[in-house]
Amino acid sequence: VSVLTGIIKISLKTFLECVRLRSFGRYGLQQIQVDCQYLQLYLWRFVSDENLVHFLLDEIVASTAHRCLDPVTMEQSVIEVICERG
């Protein structure tokens, strides 16, 4: 589990840095919201510190919103429905 935790941590930090280097539109932000929710649903099984995953995914969404030209977020209920069907 510790090896997987390290790999996931590095991957999420890289994802966060990539987000910080880009600009996003409304739909880019909403796609990142869905992606992070999906990852949050399934990544916790593979890490020893679940809070780390939640923190990094929240940072990714917050950074995306900060870098968004038209920050209109999707409702949490809609995101959950999309992730349940995926």
C-alpha atoms as a PDB file:
ATOM      1  CA  VAL A   1       0.000   0.000   0.000  1.00  0.00           C
ATOM      2  CA  SER A   2       2.838   2.440   0.761  1.00  0.00           C
ATOM      3  CA  VAL A   3       4.230   2.127  -2.783  1.00  0.00           C
ATOM      4  CA  LEU A   4       0.787   2.793  -4.247  1.00  0.00           C
ATOM      5  CA  THR A   5       0.345   5.720  -1.863  1.00  0.00           C
ATOM      6  CA  GLY A   6       3.607   7.221  -3.114  1.00  0.00           C
ATOM      7  CA  ILE A   7       2.669   6.747  -6.756  1.00  0.00           C
ATOM      8  CA  ILE A   8      -0.789   8.251  -6.266  1.00  0.00           C
ATOM      9  CA  LYS A   9       0.642  11.174  -4.287  1.00  0.00           C
ATOM     10  CA  ILE A  10       3.185  11.958  -7.013  1.00  0.00           C
ATOM     11  CA  SER A  11       0.516  11.614  -9.716  1.00  0.00           C
ATOM     12  CA  LEU A  12      -1.910  13.968  -7.981  1.00  0.00           C
ATOM     13  CA  LYS A  13       0.813  16.535  -7.294  1.00  0.00           C
ATOM     14  CA  THR A  14       1.793  16.397 -10.972  1.00  0.00           C
ATOM     15  CA  PHE A  15      -1.860  16.825 -11.944  1.00  0.00           C
ATOM     16  CA  LEU A  16      -2.028  19.864  -9.638  1.00  0.00           C
ATOM     17  CA  GLU A  17       1.057  21.416 -11.231  1.00  0.00           C
ATOM     18  CA  CYS A  18      -0.363  20.851 -14.713  1.00  0.00           C
ATOM     19  CA  VAL A  19      -3.588  22.601 -13.662  1.00  0.00           C
ATOM     20  CA  ARG A  20      -1.581  25.561 -12.347  1.00  0.00           C
ATOM     21  CA  LEU A  21       0.067  26.008 -15.740  1.00  0.00           C
ATOM     22  CA  ARG A  22      -3.157  26.187 -17.777  1.00  0.00           C
ATOM     23  CA  SER A  23      -6.216  28.335 -18.219  1.00  0.00           C
ATOM     24  CA  PHE A  24      -9.667  26.776 -18.244  1.00  0.00           C
ATOM     25  CA  GLY A  25     -13.104  27.592 -19.553  1.00  0.00           C
ATOM     26  CA  ARG A  26     -16.372  26.803 -17.810  1.00  0.00           C
ATOM     27  CA  TYR A  27     -16.595  23.281 -19.177  1.00  0.00           C
ATOM     28  CA  GLY A  28     -12.953  22.546 -18.398  1.00  0.00           C
ATOM     29  CA  LEU A  29     -13.627  23.389 -14.749  1.00  0.00           C
ATOM     30  CA  GLN A  30     -16.719  21.212 -14.714  1.00  0.00           C
ATOM     31  CA  GLN A  31     -14.801  18.313 -16.285  1.00  0.00           C
ATOM     32  CA  ILE A  32     -12.081  18.620 -13.624  1.00  0.00           C
ATOM     33  CA  GLN A  33     -14.809  18.575 -10.957  1.00  0.00           C
ATOM     34  CA  VAL A  34     -16.204  15.318 -12.356  1.00  0.00           C
ATOM     35  CA  ASP A  35     -12.739  13.783 -12.761  1.00  0.00           C
ATOM     36  CA  CYS A  36     -11.731  14.619  -9.197  1.00  0.00           C
ATOM     37  CA  GLN A  37     -14.995  13.292  -7.777  1.00  0.00           C
ATOM     38  CA  TYR A  38     -14.494  10.035  -9.686  1.00  0.00           C
ATOM     39  CA  LEU A  39     -10.921   9.736  -8.439  1.00  0.00           C
ATOM     40  CA  GLN A  40     -12.071  10.472  -4.901  1.00  0.00           C
ATOM     41  CA  LEU A  41     -14.581   7.625  -5.093  1.00  0.00           C
ATOM     42  CA  TYR A  42     -12.024   5.034  -6.164  1.00  0.00           C
ATOM     43  CA  LEU A  43      -8.506   6.083  -5.110  1.00  0.00           C
ATOM     44  CA  TRP A  44      -9.020   5.903  -1.349  1.00  0.00           C
ATOM     45  CA  ARG A  45      -8.840   2.099  -1.493  1.00  0.00           C
ATOM     46  CA  PHE A  46      -5.232   2.201  -2.608  1.00  0.00           C
ATOM     47  CA  VAL A  47      -3.739   4.680  -0.123  1.00  0.00           C
ATOM     48  CA  SER A  48      -2.903   4.545   3.556  1.00  0.00           C
ATOM     49  CA  ASP A  49      -3.843   8.209   4.167  1.00  0.00           C
ATOM     50  CA  GLU A  50      -7.259   8.934   2.690  1.00  0.00           C
ATOM     51  CA  ASN A  51      -7.119  12.571   3.839  1.00  0.00           C
ATOM     52  CA  LEU A  52      -4.108  13.213   1.611  1.00  0.00           C
ATOM     53  CA  VAL A  53      -6.085  12.176  -1.472  1.00  0.00           C
ATOM     54  CA  HIS A  54      -9.035  14.369  -0.456  1.00  0.00           C
ATOM     55  CA  PHE A  55      -6.755  17.340   0.201  1.00  0.00           C
ATOM     56  CA  LEU A  56      -4.922  17.074  -3.132  1.00  0.00           C
ATOM     57  CA  LEU A  57      -8.122  16.592  -5.127  1.00  0.00           C
ATOM     58  CA  ASP A  58      -9.702  19.603  -3.410  1.00  0.00           C
ATOM     59  CA  GLU A  59      -6.576  21.623  -4.242  1.00  0.00           C
ATOM     60  CA  ILE A  60      -6.843  20.574  -7.888  1.00  0.00           C
ATOM     61  CA  VAL A  61     -10.462  21.759  -8.120  1.00  0.00           C
ATOM     62  CA  ALA A  62      -9.676  25.007  -6.270  1.00  0.00           C
ATOM     63  CA  SER A  63      -6.690  25.731  -8.530  1.00  0.00           C
ATOM     64  CA  THR A  64      -8.781  25.013 -11.609  1.00  0.00           C
ATOM     65  CA  ALA A  65     -11.486  27.402 -10.409  1.00  0.00           C
ATOM     66  CA  HIS A  66      -8.820  30.023  -9.765  1.00  0.00           C
ATOM     67  CA  ARG A  67      -7.397  29.561 -13.283  1.00  0.00           C
ATOM     68  CA  CYS A  68     -10.830  29.537 -14.938  1.00  0.00           C
ATOM     69  CA  LEU A  69     -11.923  32.418 -17.148  1.00  0.00           C
ATOM     70  CA  ASP A  70     -15.644  31.804 -16.492  1.00  0.00           C
ATOM     71  CA  PRO A  71     -15.867  29.885 -13.182  1.00  0.00           C
ATOM     72  CA  VAL A  72     -19.325  28.313 -13.123  1.00  0.00           C
ATOM     73  CA  THR A  73     -19.229  25.145 -11.049  1.00  0.00           C
ATOM     74  CA  MET A  74     -21.466  22.148 -11.514  1.00  0.00           C
ATOM     75  CA  GLU A  75     -23.870  21.174  -8.734  1.00  0.00           C
ATOM     76  CA  GLN A  76     -22.594  18.365  -6.500  1.00  0.00           C
ATOM     77  CA  SER A  77     -25.741  16.288  -7.105  1.00  0.00           C
ATOM     78  CA  VAL A  78     -25.140  16.375 -10.879  1.00  0.00           C
ATOM     79  CA  ILE A  79     -21.501  15.369 -10.405  1.00  0.00           C
ATOM     80  CA  GLU A  80     -22.536  12.424  -8.217  1.00  0.00           C
ATOM     81  CA  VAL A  81     -25.053  11.198 -10.820  1.00  0.00           C
ATOM     82  CA  ILE A  82     -22.407  11.391 -13.568  1.00  0.00           C
ATOM     83  CA  CYS A  83     -19.889   9.456 -11.455  1.00  0.00           C
ATOM     84  CA  GLU A  84     -22.432   6.797 -10.486  1.00  0.00           C
ATOM     85  CA  ARG A  85     -23.212   6.081 -14.141  1.00  0.00           C
ATOM     86  CA  GLY A  86     -19.518   5.972 -15.126  1.00  0.00           C
END
